[in-house]
Amino acid sequence: MSKLSAKARAAKKKRDLAAAKTPSRRRKKAENQKIRRKAAKKYGKSWLKGKDYDHDDKRFESVRANRGNDGKGTKKEGKKTKRKRR
């Protein structure tokens, strides 16, 4: 985390918490927890270490590989790669 003043850090904490508690963010978190529990049961917890679920490819990838639109960057991310909202 970057060095922030106490006032800025408190403001960021408040913003981050508000973002984490939105209904869409809570649904995404619950979905991720469900998927990870299922995978841990099937493959074991150690298999999951360092992996994130890629919602576009519908599989687990390393954290590194699951960033920035699979190496293409977010600028090129168009309508085709974005998921529909529920």
Protein backbone atom coordinates (compact mmCIF):
# COMPACT_ATOMS: atom_id res chain seq x y z
CA MET A 1 0.00 0.00 0.00
CA SER A 2 1.26 3.47 -0.78
CA LYS A 3 2.14 5.84 2.01
CA LEU A 4 -0.95 7.86 2.80
CA SER A 5 -1.65 10.41 5.44
CA ALA A 6 -3.84 9.29 8.32
CA LYS A 7 -6.76 11.32 6.94
CA ALA A 8 -6.37 9.89 3.41
CA ARG A 9 -5.95 6.35 4.77
CA ALA A 10 -9.19 6.66 6.75
CA ALA A 11 -11.04 8.00 3.71
CA LYS A 12 -9.71 5.17 1.54
CA LYS A 13 -10.72 2.60 4.15
CA LYS A 14 -14.24 4.03 4.16
CA ARG A 15 -14.47 4.00 0.33
CA ASP A 16 -13.07 0.46 0.06
CA LEU A 17 -15.49 -0.86 2.66
CA ALA A 18 -18.45 0.79 0.90
CA ALA A 19 -17.35 -0.77 -2.41
CA ALA A 20 -16.95 -4.21 -0.80
CA LYS A 21 -20.46 -4.09 0.65
CA THR A 22 -22.33 -3.35 -2.58
CA PRO A 23 -24.81 -6.09 -3.57
CA SER A 24 -22.92 -6.94 -6.77
CA ARG A 25 -19.57 -7.23 -4.93
CA ARG A 26 -21.16 -9.44 -2.26
CA ARG A 27 -22.59 -11.74 -4.94
CA LYS A 28 -19.19 -12.00 -6.64
CA LYS A 29 -17.48 -12.78 -3.34
CA ALA A 30 -20.04 -15.45 -2.47
CA GLU A 31 -19.65 -17.00 -5.94
CA ASN A 32 -15.85 -17.07 -5.56
CA GLN A 33 -16.06 -18.65 -2.12
CA LYS A 34 -18.43 -21.34 -3.41
CA ILE A 35 -16.15 -22.15 -6.37
CA ARG A 36 -13.03 -22.26 -4.18
CA ARG A 37 -14.71 -24.53 -1.59
CA LYS A 38 -15.72 -26.94 -4.35
CA ALA A 39 -12.22 -26.93 -5.89
CA ALA A 40 -10.55 -27.39 -2.49
CA LYS A 41 -12.71 -30.42 -1.86
CA LYS A 42 -11.88 -31.90 -5.27
CA TYR A 43 -8.14 -31.06 -5.57
CA GLY A 44 -7.05 -30.08 -2.05
CA LYS A 45 -6.24 -26.71 -0.51
CA SER A 46 -2.57 -26.78 -1.52
CA TRP A 47 -3.56 -27.03 -5.21
CA LEU A 48 -5.46 -23.73 -4.90
CA LYS A 49 -2.53 -21.80 -3.45
CA GLY A 50 -1.57 -18.89 -5.73
CA LYS A 51 -4.54 -19.37 -8.04
CA ASP A 52 -7.55 -17.22 -8.85
CA TYR A 53 -10.72 -18.16 -10.68
CA ASP A 54 -10.93 -16.67 -14.18
CA HIS A 55 -14.58 -15.93 -14.84
CA ASP A 56 -14.03 -15.48 -18.58
CA ASP A 57 -12.23 -18.81 -19.10
CA LYS A 58 -14.20 -20.56 -16.32
CA ARG A 59 -11.09 -22.13 -14.77
CA PHE A 60 -8.41 -21.49 -12.17
CA GLU A 61 -5.26 -19.65 -13.30
CA SER A 62 -2.22 -18.30 -11.52
CA VAL A 63 -2.76 -14.86 -10.03
CA ARG A 64 -0.21 -13.52 -12.50
CA ALA A 65 -2.00 -14.94 -15.55
CA ASN A 66 -5.41 -13.75 -14.36
CA ARG A 67 -4.56 -10.03 -14.50
CA GLY A 68 -5.04 -7.49 -17.25
CA ASN A 69 -7.25 -9.39 -19.70
CA ASP A 70 -4.83 -12.33 -20.13
CA GLY A 71 -1.87 -10.13 -21.05
CA LYS A 72 -3.75 -7.99 -23.57
CA GLY A 73 -4.31 -5.14 -21.11
CA THR A 74 -7.58 -3.54 -20.12
CA LYS A 75 -7.64 -0.96 -22.93
CA LYS A 76 -8.44 -3.65 -25.50
CA GLU A 77 -11.10 -5.21 -23.33
CA GLY A 78 -14.29 -4.72 -25.30
CA LYS A 79 -17.93 -5.72 -25.13
CA LYS A 80 -17.08 -9.26 -26.16
CA THR A 81 -14.95 -10.02 -23.08
CA LYS A 82 -17.17 -8.34 -20.49
CA ARG A 83 -19.71 -10.41 -18.60
CA LYS A 84 -23.39 -9.62 -18.58
CA ARG A 85 -24.84 -8.28 -15.36
CA ARG A 86 -27.44 -10.36 -13.61
